[in-house]
Amino acid sequence: MMRGLSLTPWVRRMLAPLYRWIDRNFIELGRELRLSYLPPLMVYVAAGISGLTGIVGVFFVKDYLGLSAAFLAALGFWAGIPWALKMPLGHLVDLLWRWKAGFVFVGAGLIAASLLIMIGLLAHTEAMRRAMSVEAWFVVSALLAPVGFVMQDVVADAMTVEAVPRVDLDGRAVAPARLS
């Protein structure tokens, strides 16, 4: 039977600084994680994963649509407009803060609609073509997703301020120096 790895004192002394560095920079993050951090964290993770769905869109354009590079560049411009409006939308979210959960769900709905359109275009192309041209469906899908992501991102940015605890576990106010 093999027992736990026993290290010589010299090796332990050499690895101690590495362990402390890993503890301070990685393990401590887990110890400081609070439940209030989870909603904005989920929004940011979803936005990061959206890069994968972007890859699917690129292959769809390449394989099924005959859109020109100029058209795709123009579409990219219009899809970027919601990100340019992020600051005024942030102010709007601050004014309508009591409906923040609704904004997150509306954003998720727009993202889901965009993804469902893309799935529909891939799986049921002819049925979707009967309602509207495939190119028009693609444009709608390409414009819905950034609007949804921006709505969620703006709310998540505002929620990060709320996520920082103002009191410790004993109910005492946290010192301002610890909050910065």
N, C-alpha and C. Protein backbone atom coordinates (compact mmCIF):
# COMPACT_ATOMS: atom_id res chain seq x y z
N MET A 1 0.83 -1.18 0.00
CA MET A 1 0.00 0.00 0.00
C MET A 1 0.88 1.25 0.00
N MET A 2 0.49 2.22 -0.82
CA MET A 2 1.30 3.42 -0.94
C MET A 2 0.74 4.52 -0.04
N ARG A 3 1.57 5.08 0.76
CA ARG A 3 1.13 6.15 1.65
C ARG A 3 1.29 7.50 0.96
N GLY A 4 0.84 8.55 1.64
CA GLY A 4 0.96 9.88 1.09
C GLY A 4 2.41 10.23 0.78
N LEU A 5 2.57 11.12 -0.15
CA LEU A 5 3.90 11.54 -0.58
C LEU A 5 4.62 12.25 0.57
N SER A 6 5.76 11.73 0.97
CA SER A 6 6.52 12.40 2.03
C SER A 6 7.67 13.16 1.38
N LEU A 7 7.75 14.40 1.75
CA LEU A 7 8.78 15.27 1.19
C LEU A 7 9.85 15.54 2.23
N THR A 8 11.04 15.68 1.75
CA THR A 8 12.13 16.01 2.66
C THR A 8 11.96 17.46 3.13
N PRO A 9 12.49 17.80 4.27
CA PRO A 9 12.36 19.19 4.75
C PRO A 9 12.90 20.21 3.76
N TRP A 10 13.97 19.86 3.05
CA TRP A 10 14.53 20.78 2.07
C TRP A 10 13.53 21.07 0.95
N VAL A 11 12.85 20.02 0.45
CA VAL A 11 11.87 20.20 -0.62
C VAL A 11 10.68 21.01 -0.10
N ARG A 12 10.26 20.74 1.14
CA ARG A 12 9.15 21.50 1.72
C ARG A 12 9.50 22.99 1.81
N ARG A 13 10.73 23.30 2.22
CA ARG A 13 11.15 24.71 2.30
C ARG A 13 11.15 25.35 0.92
N MET A 14 11.53 24.60 -0.10
CA MET A 14 11.58 25.15 -1.46
C MET A 14 10.16 25.36 -2.02
N LEU A 15 9.24 24.47 -1.68
CA LEU A 15 7.88 24.56 -2.21
C LEU A 15 6.98 25.50 -1.40
N ALA A 16 7.36 25.82 -0.18
CA ALA A 16 6.52 26.67 0.68
C ALA A 16 6.19 28.02 0.04
N PRO A 17 7.16 28.74 -0.52
CA PRO A 17 6.80 30.02 -1.15
C PRO A 17 5.83 29.83 -2.33
N LEU A 18 6.02 28.76 -3.09
CA LEU A 18 5.11 28.50 -4.21
C LEU A 18 3.71 28.22 -3.69
N TYR A 19 3.59 27.42 -2.65
CA TYR A 19 2.28 27.13 -2.08
C TYR A 19 1.63 28.41 -1.55
N ARG A 20 2.39 29.25 -0.84
CA ARG A 20 1.83 30.50 -0.33
C ARG A 20 1.35 31.39 -1.46
N TRP A 21 2.12 31.44 -2.56
CA TRP A 21 1.72 32.26 -3.72
C TRP A 21 0.43 31.72 -4.32
N ILE A 22 0.33 30.42 -4.50
CA ILE A 22 -0.90 29.82 -5.04
C ILE A 22 -2.06 30.07 -4.10
N ASP A 23 -1.81 29.94 -2.80
CA ASP A 23 -2.86 30.18 -1.80
C ASP A 23 -3.37 31.61 -1.86
N ARG A 24 -2.44 32.58 -1.91
CA ARG A 24 -2.82 34.00 -1.93
C ARG A 24 -3.52 34.39 -3.22
N ASN A 25 -3.11 33.82 -4.34
CA ASN A 25 -3.61 34.28 -5.63
C ASN A 25 -4.74 33.45 -6.22
N PHE A 26 -4.92 32.23 -5.79
CA PHE A 26 -5.97 31.39 -6.37
C PHE A 26 -6.93 30.82 -5.32
N ILE A 27 -6.42 30.16 -4.33
CA ILE A 27 -7.27 29.52 -3.33
C ILE A 27 -8.04 30.56 -2.54
N GLU A 28 -7.41 31.70 -2.28
CA GLU A 28 -8.08 32.78 -1.55
C GLU A 28 -9.31 33.28 -2.28
N LEU A 29 -9.29 33.24 -3.61
CA LEU A 29 -10.48 33.64 -4.38
C LEU A 29 -11.68 32.79 -4.00
N GLY A 30 -11.47 31.50 -3.86
CA GLY A 30 -12.55 30.61 -3.45
C GLY A 30 -13.03 30.90 -2.04
N ARG A 31 -12.13 31.22 -1.15
CA ARG A 31 -12.52 31.53 0.23
C ARG A 31 -13.31 32.84 0.30
N GLU A 32 -13.03 33.76 -0.59
CA GLU A 32 -13.71 35.06 -0.55
C GLU A 32 -14.97 35.11 -1.40
N LEU A 33 -15.27 34.04 -2.13
CA LEU A 33 -16.46 34.02 -2.98
C LEU A 33 -17.72 34.10 -2.13
N ARG A 34 -18.63 34.95 -2.50
CA ARG A 34 -19.90 35.11 -1.79
C ARG A 34 -21.04 34.80 -2.76
N LEU A 35 -22.16 34.40 -2.23
CA LEU A 35 -23.32 34.08 -3.05
C LEU A 35 -23.77 35.30 -3.88
N SER A 36 -23.59 36.49 -3.33
CA SER A 36 -24.00 37.70 -4.04
C SER A 36 -23.16 37.96 -5.29
N TYR A 37 -21.99 37.30 -5.40
CA TYR A 37 -21.16 37.46 -6.59
C TYR A 37 -21.67 36.63 -7.75
N LEU A 38 -22.49 35.63 -7.47
CA LEU A 38 -22.88 34.66 -8.48
C LEU A 38 -23.67 35.24 -9.66
N PRO A 39 -24.71 36.07 -9.44
CA PRO A 39 -25.46 36.57 -10.62
C PRO A 39 -24.60 37.33 -11.63
N PRO A 40 -23.80 38.33 -11.20
CA PRO A 40 -22.99 38.99 -12.24
C PRO A 40 -21.95 38.06 -12.84
N LEU A 41 -21.42 37.16 -12.04
CA LEU A 41 -20.44 36.21 -12.55
C LEU A 41 -21.05 35.33 -13.64
N MET A 42 -22.29 34.89 -13.43
CA MET A 42 -22.96 34.06 -14.44
C MET A 42 -23.17 34.82 -15.75
N VAL A 43 -23.51 36.11 -15.64
CA VAL A 43 -23.70 36.93 -16.85
C VAL A 43 -22.38 37.06 -17.60
N TYR A 44 -21.29 37.30 -16.87
CA TYR A 44 -19.99 37.45 -17.53
C TYR A 44 -19.53 36.14 -18.16
N VAL A 45 -19.79 35.02 -17.51
CA VAL A 45 -19.41 33.72 -18.08
C VAL A 45 -20.22 33.47 -19.35
N ALA A 46 -21.51 33.77 -19.32
CA ALA A 46 -22.34 33.58 -20.51
C ALA A 46 -21.85 34.45 -21.66
N ALA A 47 -21.47 35.67 -21.37
CA ALA A 47 -20.94 36.54 -22.42
C ALA A 47 -19.64 35.99 -22.98
N GLY A 48 -18.81 35.43 -22.12
CA GLY A 48 -17.57 34.84 -22.60
C GLY A 48 -17.80 33.63 -23.48
N ILE A 49 -18.79 32.83 -23.12
CA ILE A 49 -19.10 31.63 -23.90
C ILE A 49 -19.71 32.00 -25.25
N SER A 50 -20.24 33.21 -25.35
CA SER A 50 -20.87 33.62 -26.60
C SER A 50 -19.90 33.58 -27.78
N GLY A 51 -18.61 33.63 -27.48
CA GLY A 51 -17.62 33.50 -28.56
C GLY A 51 -17.77 32.20 -29.32
N LEU A 52 -18.18 31.14 -28.61
CA LEU A 52 -18.40 29.85 -29.28
C LEU A 52 -19.56 29.93 -30.26
N THR A 53 -20.64 30.60 -29.87
CA THR A 53 -21.76 30.72 -30.80
C THR A 53 -21.39 31.60 -31.99
N GLY A 54 -20.48 32.53 -31.79
CA GLY A 54 -20.00 33.35 -32.90
C GLY A 54 -19.29 32.52 -33.95
N ILE A 55 -18.59 31.49 -33.50
CA ILE A 55 -17.91 30.59 -34.44
C ILE A 55 -18.94 29.87 -35.31
N VAL A 56 -20.03 29.43 -34.71
CA VAL A 56 -21.09 28.77 -35.48
C VAL A 56 -21.63 29.72 -36.53
N GLY A 57 -21.82 30.98 -36.16
CA GLY A 57 -22.32 31.97 -37.11
C GLY A 57 -21.37 32.17 -38.28
N VAL A 58 -20.09 32.16 -38.01
CA VAL A 58 -19.10 32.32 -39.09
C VAL A 58 -19.19 31.17 -40.07
N PHE A 59 -19.28 29.95 -39.56
CA PHE A 59 -19.39 28.80 -40.45
C PHE A 59 -20.70 28.81 -41.22
N PHE A 60 -21.77 29.27 -40.57
CA PHE A 60 -23.06 29.35 -41.26
C PHE A 60 -22.97 30.33 -42.43
N VAL A 61 -22.39 31.49 -42.18
CA VAL A 61 -22.25 32.49 -43.24
C VAL A 61 -21.41 31.92 -44.37
N LYS A 62 -20.32 31.25 -44.01
CA LYS A 62 -19.41 30.69 -45.01
C LYS A 62 -20.07 29.61 -45.85
N ASP A 63 -20.83 28.71 -45.19
CA ASP A 63 -21.38 27.55 -45.89
C ASP A 63 -22.73 27.78 -46.55
N TYR A 64 -23.58 28.66 -46.00
CA TYR A 64 -24.96 28.77 -46.49
C TYR A 64 -25.33 30.09 -47.12
N LEU A 65 -24.68 31.15 -46.75
CA LEU A 65 -25.09 32.46 -47.25
C LEU A 65 -24.06 33.02 -48.21
N GLY A 66 -24.52 33.73 -49.16
CA GLY A 66 -23.62 34.35 -50.11
C GLY A 66 -23.46 35.83 -49.81
N LEU A 67 -23.22 36.17 -48.58
CA LEU A 67 -23.11 37.58 -48.20
C LEU A 67 -21.70 38.09 -48.46
N SER A 68 -21.63 39.29 -48.94
CA SER A 68 -20.33 39.87 -49.26
C SER A 68 -19.61 40.32 -48.00
N ALA A 69 -18.32 40.50 -48.13
CA ALA A 69 -17.52 40.99 -47.00
C ALA A 69 -17.97 42.39 -46.59
N ALA A 70 -18.34 43.22 -47.57
CA ALA A 70 -18.80 44.58 -47.26
C ALA A 70 -20.10 44.53 -46.44
N PHE A 71 -21.01 43.64 -46.84
CA PHE A 71 -22.27 43.50 -46.10
C PHE A 71 -22.00 43.03 -44.67
N LEU A 72 -21.12 42.05 -44.50
CA LEU A 72 -20.81 41.53 -43.17
C LEU A 72 -20.11 42.60 -42.32
N ALA A 73 -19.29 43.43 -42.94
CA ALA A 73 -18.65 44.52 -42.20
C ALA A 73 -19.70 45.53 -41.73
N ALA A 74 -20.66 45.84 -42.60
CA ALA A 74 -21.73 46.76 -42.22
C ALA A 74 -22.58 46.16 -41.10
N LEU A 75 -22.85 44.87 -41.19
CA LEU A 75 -23.62 44.19 -40.14
C LEU A 75 -22.84 44.22 -38.82
N GLY A 76 -21.54 44.03 -38.89
CA GLY A 76 -20.71 44.12 -37.69
C GLY A 76 -20.77 45.51 -37.07
N PHE A 77 -20.83 46.54 -37.91
CA PHE A 77 -20.97 47.91 -37.40
C PHE A 77 -22.27 48.05 -36.63
N TRP A 78 -23.38 47.62 -37.22
CA TRP A 78 -24.68 47.76 -36.56
C TRP A 78 -24.78 46.89 -35.31
N ALA A 79 -24.15 45.73 -35.34
CA ALA A 79 -24.16 44.86 -34.16
C ALA A 79 -23.31 45.47 -33.04
N GLY A 80 -22.40 46.37 -33.36
CA GLY A 80 -21.57 47.02 -32.34
C GLY A 80 -22.22 48.24 -31.71
N ILE A 81 -23.27 48.76 -32.32
CA ILE A 81 -23.93 49.95 -31.79
C ILE A 81 -24.42 49.77 -30.35
N PRO A 82 -25.03 48.63 -29.99
CA PRO A 82 -25.45 48.49 -28.59
C PRO A 82 -24.29 48.63 -27.59
N TRP A 83 -23.10 48.16 -27.96
CA TRP A 83 -21.95 48.30 -27.05
C TRP A 83 -21.55 49.76 -26.92
N ALA A 84 -21.73 50.53 -27.98
CA ALA A 84 -21.41 51.96 -27.90
C ALA A 84 -22.42 52.70 -27.01
N LEU A 85 -23.61 52.15 -26.87
CA LEU A 85 -24.65 52.77 -26.04
C LEU A 85 -24.65 52.25 -24.61
N LYS A 86 -23.62 51.51 -24.24
CA LYS A 86 -23.59 50.89 -22.93
C LYS A 86 -23.64 51.91 -21.79
N MET A 87 -22.96 53.03 -21.92
CA MET A 87 -22.94 54.02 -20.84
C MET A 87 -24.33 54.63 -20.61
N PRO A 88 -25.01 55.13 -21.65
CA PRO A 88 -26.36 55.68 -21.36
C PRO A 88 -27.33 54.59 -20.90
N LEU A 89 -27.15 53.37 -21.38
CA LEU A 89 -28.01 52.29 -20.90
C LEU A 89 -27.74 52.00 -19.43
N GLY A 90 -26.49 52.15 -19.01
CA GLY A 90 -26.15 51.97 -17.60
C GLY A 90 -26.89 52.98 -16.74
N HIS A 91 -26.97 54.20 -17.21
CA HIS A 91 -27.71 55.23 -16.46
C HIS A 91 -29.19 54.87 -16.40
N LEU A 92 -29.73 54.38 -17.50
CA LEU A 92 -31.13 53.97 -17.54
C LEU A 92 -31.39 52.83 -16.55
N VAL A 93 -30.47 51.86 -16.49
CA VAL A 93 -30.61 50.76 -15.54
C VAL A 93 -30.56 51.30 -14.11
N ASP A 94 -29.69 52.27 -13.83
CA ASP A 94 -29.65 52.87 -12.50
C ASP A 94 -30.98 53.51 -12.14
N LEU A 95 -31.62 54.17 -13.10
CA LEU A 95 -32.90 54.82 -12.85
C LEU A 95 -34.02 53.80 -12.64
N LEU A 96 -33.96 52.68 -13.35
CA LEU A 96 -35.00 51.66 -13.28
C LEU A 96 -34.51 50.41 -12.55
N TRP A 97 -33.74 50.61 -11.48
CA TRP A 97 -33.04 49.52 -10.80
C TRP A 97 -33.99 48.46 -10.25
N ARG A 98 -35.19 48.85 -9.87
CA ARG A 98 -36.09 47.85 -9.27
C ARG A 98 -36.49 46.77 -10.25
N TRP A 99 -36.28 46.99 -11.54
CA TRP A 99 -36.61 45.99 -12.56
C TRP A 99 -35.36 45.32 -13.13
N LYS A 100 -34.28 45.31 -12.35
CA LYS A 100 -33.02 44.74 -12.84
C LYS A 100 -33.17 43.29 -13.26
N ALA A 101 -33.89 42.50 -12.49
CA ALA A 101 -34.08 41.08 -12.85
C ALA A 101 -34.80 40.98 -14.19
N GLY A 102 -35.75 41.85 -14.42
CA GLY A 102 -36.46 41.86 -15.70
C GLY A 102 -35.52 42.16 -16.86
N PHE A 103 -34.60 43.09 -16.65
CA PHE A 103 -33.62 43.40 -17.71
C PHE A 103 -32.75 42.19 -18.03
N VAL A 104 -32.35 41.47 -16.98
CA VAL A 104 -31.53 40.28 -17.21
C VAL A 104 -32.33 39.25 -18.00
N PHE A 105 -33.60 39.05 -17.63
CA PHE A 105 -34.42 38.07 -18.34
C PHE A 105 -34.73 38.51 -19.77
N VAL A 106 -34.97 39.80 -19.98
CA VAL A 106 -35.19 40.29 -21.35
C VAL A 106 -33.93 40.07 -22.19
N GLY A 107 -32.78 40.39 -21.60
CA GLY A 107 -31.52 40.15 -22.31
C GLY A 107 -31.35 38.68 -22.64
N ALA A 108 -31.64 37.82 -21.68
CA ALA A 108 -31.54 36.38 -21.93
C ALA A 108 -32.52 35.93 -23.01
N GLY A 109 -33.70 36.53 -23.01
CA GLY A 109 -34.69 36.20 -24.04
C GLY A 109 -34.22 36.60 -25.43
N LEU A 110 -33.59 37.77 -25.53
CA LEU A 110 -33.07 38.21 -26.83
C LEU A 110 -31.94 37.30 -27.31
N ILE A 111 -31.08 36.91 -26.38
CA ILE A 111 -29.98 36.00 -26.74
C ILE A 111 -30.55 34.65 -27.16
N ALA A 112 -31.53 34.16 -26.40
CA ALA A 112 -32.16 32.87 -26.73
C ALA A 112 -32.85 32.95 -28.09
N ALA A 113 -33.54 34.05 -28.37
CA ALA A 113 -34.19 34.20 -29.67
C ALA A 113 -33.16 34.18 -30.79
N SER A 114 -32.04 34.85 -30.58
CA SER A 114 -30.97 34.85 -31.59
C SER A 114 -30.47 33.43 -31.83
N LEU A 115 -30.22 32.70 -30.75
CA LEU A 115 -29.73 31.33 -30.89
C LEU A 115 -30.77 30.42 -31.53
N LEU A 116 -32.03 30.59 -31.15
CA LEU A 116 -33.09 29.77 -31.75
C LEU A 116 -33.24 30.04 -33.24
N ILE A 117 -33.08 31.29 -33.63
CA ILE A 117 -33.11 31.60 -35.07
C ILE A 117 -31.98 30.88 -35.79
N MET A 118 -30.79 30.93 -35.22
CA MET A 118 -29.65 30.23 -35.85
C MET A 118 -29.88 28.73 -35.91
N ILE A 119 -30.41 28.14 -34.83
CA ILE A 119 -30.72 26.71 -34.84
C ILE A 119 -31.77 26.41 -35.88
N GLY A 120 -32.79 27.27 -35.94
CA GLY A 120 -33.83 27.09 -36.96
C GLY A 120 -33.28 27.18 -38.37
N LEU A 121 -32.37 28.10 -38.59
CA LEU A 121 -31.76 28.23 -39.92
C LEU A 121 -30.93 27.01 -40.29
N LEU A 122 -30.29 26.42 -39.29
CA LEU A 122 -29.48 25.23 -39.57
C LEU A 122 -30.34 23.98 -39.73
N ALA A 123 -31.36 23.84 -38.91
CA ALA A 123 -32.15 22.60 -38.90
C ALA A 123 -33.38 22.66 -39.78
N HIS A 124 -33.97 23.82 -39.96
CA HIS A 124 -35.23 23.94 -40.69
C HIS A 124 -35.15 25.10 -41.69
N THR A 125 -34.16 25.06 -42.52
CA THR A 125 -33.89 26.18 -43.44
C THR A 125 -35.09 26.49 -44.32
N GLU A 126 -35.68 25.46 -44.93
CA GLU A 126 -36.79 25.69 -45.86
C GLU A 126 -38.01 26.27 -45.16
N ALA A 127 -38.32 25.79 -43.98
CA ALA A 127 -39.47 26.31 -43.24
C ALA A 127 -39.25 27.78 -42.89
N MET A 128 -38.05 28.14 -42.51
CA MET A 128 -37.77 29.53 -42.17
C MET A 128 -37.74 30.40 -43.41
N ARG A 129 -37.29 29.82 -44.52
CA ARG A 129 -37.25 30.58 -45.77
C ARG A 129 -38.65 30.97 -46.23
N ARG A 130 -39.65 30.15 -45.89
CA ARG A 130 -41.03 30.47 -46.27
C ARG A 130 -41.53 31.73 -45.55
N ALA A 131 -41.02 32.01 -44.35
CA ALA A 131 -41.45 33.19 -43.60
C ALA A 131 -40.67 34.44 -44.00
N MET A 132 -39.37 34.26 -44.24
CA MET A 132 -38.50 35.39 -44.54
C MET A 132 -37.23 34.83 -45.18
N SER A 133 -36.50 35.64 -45.88
CA SER A 133 -35.28 35.14 -46.51
C SER A 133 -34.27 34.72 -45.44
N VAL A 134 -33.43 33.75 -45.80
CA VAL A 134 -32.43 33.25 -44.86
C VAL A 134 -31.48 34.37 -44.45
N GLU A 135 -31.14 35.23 -45.37
CA GLU A 135 -30.26 36.35 -45.07
C GLU A 135 -30.89 37.30 -44.06
N ALA A 136 -32.19 37.56 -44.23
CA ALA A 136 -32.89 38.45 -43.29
C ALA A 136 -32.94 37.82 -41.89
N TRP A 137 -33.19 36.51 -41.82
CA TRP A 137 -33.17 35.83 -40.53
C TRP A 137 -31.79 35.97 -39.87
N PHE A 138 -30.76 35.80 -40.68
CA PHE A 138 -29.40 35.91 -40.14
C PHE A 138 -29.14 37.31 -39.59
N VAL A 139 -29.60 38.33 -40.30
CA VAL A 139 -29.41 39.71 -39.85
C VAL A 139 -30.15 39.93 -38.52
N VAL A 140 -31.39 39.45 -38.44
CA VAL A 140 -32.16 39.59 -37.19
C VAL A 140 -31.42 38.91 -36.04
N SER A 141 -30.94 37.70 -36.30
CA SER A 141 -30.21 36.96 -35.26
C SER A 141 -28.94 37.70 -34.86
N ALA A 142 -28.22 38.22 -35.84
CA ALA A 142 -26.96 38.91 -35.56
C ALA A 142 -27.17 40.22 -34.79
N LEU A 143 -28.36 40.81 -34.89
CA LEU A 143 -28.62 42.07 -34.18
C LEU A 143 -29.26 41.84 -32.81
N LEU A 144 -29.98 40.74 -32.64
CA LEU A 144 -30.62 40.47 -31.35
C LEU A 144 -29.60 40.15 -30.26
N ALA A 145 -28.62 39.33 -30.60
CA ALA A 145 -27.66 38.86 -29.59
C ALA A 145 -26.91 40.00 -28.91
N PRO A 146 -26.32 40.94 -29.64
CA PRO A 146 -25.58 41.99 -28.93
C PRO A 146 -26.48 42.86 -28.05
N VAL A 147 -27.72 43.08 -28.47
CA VAL A 147 -28.63 43.86 -27.63
C VAL A 147 -28.86 43.12 -26.31
N GLY A 148 -29.08 41.81 -26.39
CA GLY A 148 -29.28 41.01 -25.19
C GLY A 148 -28.05 40.99 -24.30
N PHE A 149 -26.88 40.81 -24.91
CA PHE A 149 -25.65 40.77 -24.12
C PHE A 149 -25.37 42.11 -23.45
N VAL A 150 -25.64 43.21 -24.14
CA VAL A 150 -25.40 44.53 -23.55
C VAL A 150 -26.37 44.76 -22.39
N MET A 151 -27.63 44.38 -22.56
CA MET A 151 -28.59 44.55 -21.46
C MET A 151 -28.12 43.80 -20.22
N GLN A 152 -27.69 42.57 -20.42
CA GLN A 152 -27.23 41.79 -19.28
C GLN A 152 -25.93 42.34 -18.70
N ASP A 153 -25.04 42.78 -19.56
CA ASP A 153 -23.75 43.29 -19.11
C ASP A 153 -23.92 44.56 -18.28
N VAL A 154 -24.81 45.43 -18.71
CA VAL A 154 -25.03 46.68 -17.99
C VAL A 154 -25.58 46.39 -16.59
N VAL A 155 -26.53 45.45 -16.51
CA VAL A 155 -27.08 45.10 -15.21
C VAL A 155 -26.02 44.43 -14.34
N ALA A 156 -25.23 43.53 -14.94
CA ALA A 156 -24.18 42.84 -14.18
C ALA A 156 -23.15 43.84 -13.66
N ASP A 157 -22.80 44.83 -14.46
CA ASP A 157 -21.85 45.85 -14.01
C ASP A 157 -22.41 46.58 -12.78
N ALA A 158 -23.69 46.91 -12.83
CA ALA A 158 -24.31 47.61 -11.69
C ALA A 158 -24.44 46.69 -10.49
N MET A 159 -24.67 45.40 -10.73
CA MET A 159 -24.83 44.45 -9.62
C MET A 159 -23.52 44.21 -8.89
N THR A 160 -22.40 44.39 -9.56
CA THR A 160 -21.13 44.14 -8.88
C THR A 160 -20.92 45.10 -7.72
N VAL A 161 -21.48 46.29 -7.83
CA VAL A 161 -21.38 47.25 -6.72
C VAL A 161 -22.19 46.75 -5.53
N GLU A 162 -23.36 46.18 -5.80
CA GLU A 162 -24.20 45.65 -4.73
C GLU A 162 -23.62 44.38 -4.12
N ALA A 163 -22.82 43.66 -4.87
CA ALA A 163 -22.32 42.36 -4.41
C ALA A 163 -21.30 42.49 -3.29
N VAL A 164 -20.65 43.64 -3.18
CA VAL A 164 -19.63 43.82 -2.15
C VAL A 164 -20.34 44.00 -0.81
N PRO A 165 -20.04 43.13 0.17
CA PRO A 165 -20.73 43.23 1.47
C PRO A 165 -20.33 44.50 2.21
N ARG A 166 -21.31 45.13 2.80
CA ARG A 166 -21.06 46.35 3.56
C ARG A 166 -20.87 46.05 5.05
N VAL A 167 -21.27 44.83 5.46
CA VAL A 167 -21.10 44.41 6.86
C VAL A 167 -20.39 43.07 6.88
N ASP A 168 -19.67 42.78 7.96
CA ASP A 168 -18.99 41.50 8.08
C ASP A 168 -19.96 40.45 8.63
N LEU A 169 -19.46 39.27 8.91
CA LEU A 169 -20.31 38.17 9.38
C LEU A 169 -20.93 38.46 10.75
N ASP A 170 -20.33 39.35 11.51
CA ASP A 170 -20.86 39.71 12.83
C ASP A 170 -21.83 40.89 12.76
N GLY A 171 -22.05 41.44 11.57
CA GLY A 171 -22.99 42.56 11.42
C GLY A 171 -22.35 43.92 11.58
N ARG A 172 -21.03 43.98 11.77
CA ARG A 172 -20.34 45.27 11.90
C ARG A 172 -19.98 45.80 10.51
N ALA A 173 -20.00 47.11 10.39
CA ALA A 173 -19.66 47.75 9.11
C ALA A 173 -18.22 47.41 8.73
N VAL A 174 -18.03 47.11 7.45
CA VAL A 174 -16.69 46.81 6.96
C VAL A 174 -15.94 48.13 6.79
N ALA A 175 -14.70 48.14 7.22
CA ALA A 175 -13.88 49.36 7.11
C ALA A 175 -13.72 49.77 5.66
N PRO A 176 -13.82 51.05 5.36
CA PRO A 176 -13.67 51.51 3.98
C PRO A 176 -12.36 51.08 3.34
N ALA A 177 -11.30 50.98 4.11
CA ALA A 177 -10.01 50.56 3.56
C ALA A 177 -10.08 49.14 3.01
N ARG A 178 -10.90 48.28 3.60
CA ARG A 178 -11.04 46.90 3.13
C ARG A 178 -11.91 46.81 1.88
N LEU A 179 -12.75 47.80 1.64
CA LEU A 179 -13.64 47.77 0.47
C LEU A 179 -12.94 48.16 -0.81
N SER A 180 -11.82 48.87 -0.72
CA SER A 180 -11.16 49.32 -1.94
C SER A 180 -10.13 48.34 -2.41
